[in-house]
Amino acid sequence: KAVTDVTIQNLRITGFSGQGLIAFGSDNLQVANVEVDHSADVGVFSKAGTRSAFVSDRVHDNGGAGIRVSDSSGFTITRTTSYRNHDGVLILDSVQGSITHAVLAGNCAGLAVIDTADGVATGDITVRENAVVANSRYCPAGEAPSESGVGVGLLGTTAMVVMDNLIADNVGHPDPNTGERAQFGGGALLLLDATDLTGGAAPTQNRVTGNLFAHNEPADVVTDGTG
C-alpha cells in the first residue's frame, strides 16, 4: 500500500553514506524547507510516488542528484535551490510534473529528464522560469552517462515544455584524467534520442520557447535531428 499524506519540513539532513531522504511508494508527499547536503548518494530520492511536492528545499554537495524522481507521476518541484551535486534535478521514467522557480547551479547537469528502456514514456513535464547556470562540473559515467556542461538535458522525452528559463554559463569540460568529452554534454540544452545511451525512446512533441541563453560553451542548443 502507498505511504500517504506525509509532510517533512523544517529539517536538515547531512552527511549520510547513502541517500539523505528516500520515499518509496508514497502518495501526497510534501517535502518543504528541507536542507539535504553532503550525502554520498542522492540527496532526496522519490521513487514510485504520486502527487509529490518539493517546495523551498536546499540540496547541495551530494554525490548523486540533488533531487531524483523515478517512476513517478504528478510531481512538483518549486522554489528549490540545488547546487554542487551530480545532477541538480534528475527525472527518470516519470510523467505529469513541473519544475518552476528553481535555481540549479554548479552541477554536472542542472536538469536531466531521461527515458530508459522500461517501456513507460517520460514527459508531460513543464520546466518554467528557472535559473539554470554554471553547471560545468565533470561527472564520470556510472548508472548514467558521463556529464558536463548541461543546463537542461532531455533524453527521449515526450511532450516537454521548456519555457521562460535563464540558461547561462554552462560550459562543458572533458574528463580531467583522459581528456575524453562527456557522453551527455556539448550544449546547454540537449534534445536527444535515448536509444543508444539508455535504451529509451526518441523524443517527440517537445516545445522549447522563450528561454534566454547566454555564455554557454560549446553550444546553446544541440539536437540530433530525431523526434
Protein backbone atom coordinates (compact mmCIF):
# COMPACT_ATOMS: atom_id res chain seq x y z
CA LYS A 1 0.00 0.00 0.00
CA ALA A 2 1.12 3.57 -0.61
CA VAL A 3 2.51 5.63 2.23
CA THR A 4 0.04 8.52 2.19
CA ASP A 5 -0.12 12.15 3.32
CA VAL A 6 3.37 12.56 4.79
CA THR A 7 4.86 16.02 5.38
CA ILE A 8 8.57 16.56 6.10
CA GLN A 9 9.52 20.16 6.78
CA ASN A 10 12.00 22.47 8.51
CA LEU A 11 14.67 19.78 8.74
CA ARG A 12 18.35 19.40 7.89
CA ILE A 13 19.75 16.04 6.79
CA THR A 14 23.52 15.98 6.37
CA GLY A 15 26.46 13.65 5.87
CA PHE A 16 24.85 10.25 5.25
CA SER A 17 26.65 7.42 3.47
CA GLY A 18 23.72 6.71 1.12
CA GLN A 19 20.65 8.82 0.31
CA GLY A 20 19.73 11.69 2.58
CA LEU A 21 15.97 11.23 2.27
CA ILE A 22 14.17 8.45 0.41
CA ALA A 23 10.45 7.95 -0.23
CA PHE A 24 9.24 4.78 -1.90
CA GLY A 25 5.63 4.25 -2.98
CA SER A 26 4.32 7.47 -1.49
CA ASP A 27 1.16 9.42 -2.29
CA ASN A 28 0.79 13.11 -1.46
CA LEU A 29 4.31 13.52 -0.04
CA GLN A 30 5.25 17.09 0.92
CA VAL A 31 8.92 18.00 1.46
CA ALA A 32 9.19 21.67 2.38
CA ASN A 33 12.01 23.90 3.62
CA VAL A 34 14.35 20.92 3.99
CA GLU A 35 18.14 21.11 3.54
CA VAL A 36 19.94 17.94 2.42
CA ASP A 37 23.70 18.06 1.95
CA HIS A 38 26.90 16.01 1.83
CA SER A 39 25.21 12.64 1.29
CA ALA A 40 27.34 10.12 -0.61
CA ASP A 41 24.46 9.34 -2.98
CA VAL A 42 21.23 11.17 -3.87
CA GLY A 43 20.10 13.98 -1.61
CA VAL A 44 16.32 13.50 -1.96
CA PHE A 45 15.06 10.37 -3.75
CA SER A 46 11.39 9.75 -4.54
CA LYS A 47 10.53 6.51 -6.35
CA ALA A 48 7.16 5.14 -7.48
CA GLY A 49 5.34 8.13 -6.00
CA THR A 50 2.24 10.09 -6.93
CA ARG A 51 1.47 13.74 -6.14
CA SER A 52 4.85 14.51 -4.56
CA ALA A 53 5.74 18.15 -3.86
CA PHE A 54 9.19 19.57 -3.09
CA VAL A 55 8.92 23.20 -2.05
CA SER A 56 11.62 25.70 -0.99
CA ASP A 57 14.21 22.97 -0.38
CA ARG A 58 18.00 23.38 -0.50
CA VAL A 59 20.04 20.39 -1.70
CA HIS A 60 23.78 20.62 -2.22
CA ASP A 61 27.11 18.81 -2.19
CA ASN A 62 25.58 15.36 -2.67
CA GLY A 63 27.35 12.58 -4.58
CA GLY A 64 24.30 11.77 -6.70
CA ALA A 65 21.47 14.01 -7.85
CA GLY A 66 20.25 16.73 -5.54
CA ILE A 67 16.66 15.62 -6.17
CA ARG A 68 15.84 12.42 -8.06
CA VAL A 69 12.30 11.44 -9.08
CA SER A 70 11.90 7.99 -10.66
CA ASP A 71 8.90 6.01 -11.92
CA SER A 72 6.51 8.64 -10.60
CA SER A 73 3.62 10.84 -11.69
CA GLY A 74 2.17 14.16 -10.67
CA PHE A 75 5.25 15.72 -9.03
CA THR A 76 6.06 19.38 -8.31
CA ILE A 77 9.47 20.93 -7.64
CA THR A 78 9.34 24.66 -6.96
CA ARG A 79 11.44 27.41 -5.34
CA THR A 80 14.19 24.86 -4.75
CA THR A 81 17.94 25.51 -4.85
CA SER A 82 20.19 22.65 -5.95
CA TYR A 83 23.95 23.09 -6.34
CA ARG A 84 27.23 21.15 -6.37
CA ASN A 85 25.56 17.79 -6.93
CA HIS A 86 25.94 15.30 -9.81
CA ASP A 87 22.63 16.49 -11.30
CA GLY A 88 20.71 19.34 -9.79
CA VAL A 89 17.45 17.54 -10.55
CA LEU A 90 17.20 14.12 -12.23
CA ILE A 91 13.87 12.85 -13.56
CA LEU A 92 13.72 9.24 -14.75
CA ASP A 93 10.73 7.49 -16.35
CA SER A 94 8.24 9.90 -14.82
CA VAL A 95 5.29 11.91 -16.14
CA GLN A 96 2.98 14.83 -15.37
CA GLY A 97 5.23 17.11 -13.38
CA SER A 98 6.56 20.63 -13.12
CA ILE A 99 9.85 22.29 -12.18
CA THR A 100 9.44 26.02 -11.60
CA HIS A 101 11.25 28.94 -9.94
CA ALA A 102 14.25 26.77 -9.08
CA VAL A 103 17.96 27.64 -9.07
CA LEU A 104 20.10 24.81 -10.47
CA ALA A 105 23.77 25.80 -10.38
CA GLY A 106 27.25 24.32 -10.22
CA ASN A 107 26.24 20.74 -11.01
CA CYS A 108 27.43 18.49 -13.85
CA ALA A 109 23.91 18.82 -15.28
CA GLY A 110 21.36 21.28 -13.96
CA LEU A 111 18.29 19.29 -15.01
CA ALA A 112 18.28 15.88 -16.69
CA VAL A 113 14.99 14.32 -17.83
CA ILE A 114 15.68 10.82 -19.12
CA ASP A 115 13.68 7.99 -20.61
CA THR A 116 15.03 4.45 -20.20
CA ALA A 117 14.11 1.02 -21.53
CA ASP A 118 11.30 0.39 -19.04
CA GLY A 119 8.65 0.97 -21.72
CA VAL A 120 6.93 3.87 -19.92
CA ALA A 121 7.12 7.28 -21.59
CA THR A 122 8.94 10.11 -19.84
CA GLY A 123 7.42 13.57 -20.28
CA ASP A 124 4.38 15.82 -19.99
CA ILE A 125 6.57 17.95 -17.71
CA THR A 126 6.74 21.75 -17.59
CA VAL A 127 10.10 23.42 -16.91
CA ARG A 128 9.42 27.12 -16.46
CA GLU A 129 11.01 30.27 -15.00
CA ASN A 130 14.11 28.60 -13.57
CA ALA A 131 17.71 29.81 -13.41
CA VAL A 132 19.98 27.07 -14.77
CA VAL A 133 23.51 28.45 -14.54
CA ALA A 134 27.17 27.38 -14.42
CA ASN A 135 26.57 23.64 -14.49
CA SER A 136 30.12 22.96 -15.65
CA ARG A 137 31.49 20.16 -13.46
CA TYR A 138 32.56 16.86 -14.99
CA CYS A 139 30.96 13.67 -13.65
CA PRO A 140 32.19 10.26 -14.87
CA ALA A 141 29.85 7.55 -16.13
CA GLY A 142 28.15 5.32 -13.62
CA GLU A 143 24.46 4.44 -13.66
CA ALA A 144 24.11 7.42 -16.01
CA PRO A 145 26.36 8.54 -18.89
CA SER A 146 29.25 10.91 -18.14
CA GLU A 147 28.06 14.52 -17.97
CA SER A 148 29.42 18.05 -18.11
CA GLY A 149 28.14 21.48 -19.06
CA VAL A 150 24.48 20.51 -19.38
CA GLY A 151 21.91 23.09 -18.38
CA VAL A 152 18.80 21.15 -19.40
CA GLY A 153 19.13 17.67 -20.89
CA LEU A 154 16.11 16.00 -22.48
CA LEU A 155 16.82 12.40 -23.45
CA GLY A 156 13.99 10.53 -25.15
CA THR A 157 11.28 12.78 -23.69
CA THR A 158 7.69 13.30 -24.84
CA ALA A 159 5.58 16.48 -24.61
CA MET A 160 8.02 18.54 -22.56
CA VAL A 161 7.57 22.31 -22.25
CA VAL A 162 10.79 24.25 -21.51
CA MET A 163 9.78 27.89 -21.29
CA ASP A 164 11.00 31.25 -19.95
CA ASN A 165 14.16 29.93 -18.28
CA LEU A 166 17.57 31.56 -17.90
CA ILE A 167 20.14 29.04 -19.17
CA ALA A 168 23.59 30.60 -18.90
CA ASP A 169 27.29 29.98 -18.24
CA ASN A 170 27.04 26.21 -18.71
CA VAL A 171 30.47 25.19 -20.05
CA GLY A 172 31.37 21.60 -20.89
CA HIS A 173 34.67 20.18 -19.65
CA PRO A 174 36.43 16.92 -20.61
CA ASP A 175 37.45 14.13 -18.25
CA PRO A 176 40.43 15.61 -16.37
CA ASN A 177 42.23 12.24 -16.45
CA THR A 178 41.67 11.13 -20.06
CA GLY A 179 40.62 14.28 -21.91
CA GLU A 180 37.56 12.49 -23.31
CA ARG A 181 34.40 14.51 -23.86
CA ALA A 182 31.36 13.74 -21.76
CA GLN A 183 28.77 11.43 -23.31
CA PHE A 184 25.99 13.74 -22.14
CA GLY A 185 27.11 17.27 -22.93
CA GLY A 186 28.15 19.62 -25.70
CA GLY A 187 25.27 22.02 -25.25
CA ALA A 188 23.42 23.97 -22.61
CA LEU A 189 20.14 22.46 -23.79
CA LEU A 190 20.21 18.95 -25.25
CA LEU A 191 17.32 17.26 -27.03
CA LEU A 192 18.47 13.77 -27.97
CA ASP A 193 17.36 10.26 -28.87
CA ALA A 194 17.71 7.96 -25.85
CA THR A 195 18.05 4.72 -27.81
CA ASP A 196 21.81 4.31 -27.71
CA LEU A 197 22.55 5.86 -24.30
CA THR A 198 19.78 4.37 -22.14
CA GLY A 199 17.64 2.15 -24.37
CA GLY A 200 14.81 4.67 -24.15
CA ALA A 201 12.70 6.36 -26.81
CA ALA A 202 13.19 9.00 -29.47
CA PRO A 203 11.96 12.46 -28.40
CA THR A 204 8.63 13.71 -29.68
CA GLN A 205 6.33 16.74 -29.28
CA ASN A 206 8.78 18.73 -27.14
CA ARG A 207 8.48 22.53 -27.06
CA VAL A 208 11.35 24.87 -26.17
CA THR A 209 10.39 28.54 -26.27
CA GLY A 210 11.08 31.93 -24.70
CA ASN A 211 14.31 30.98 -22.95
CA LEU A 212 17.35 33.24 -22.55
CA PHE A 213 20.67 31.59 -23.44
CA ALA A 214 23.97 33.31 -22.64
CA HIS A 215 27.69 32.40 -22.40
CA ASN A 216 27.25 28.66 -22.85
CA GLU A 217 30.07 26.63 -24.43
CA PRO A 218 30.44 24.96 -26.83
CA ALA A 219 26.76 25.50 -27.81
CA ASP A 220 23.45 26.80 -26.57
CA VAL A 221 21.17 24.15 -28.10
CA VAL A 222 22.07 20.72 -29.51
CA THR A 223 19.68 18.27 -31.18
CA ASP A 224 20.44 15.14 -33.15
CA GLY A 225 17.59 15.54 -35.63
CA THR A 226 15.33 12.92 -34.07
CA GLY A 227 11.83 13.36 -32.71
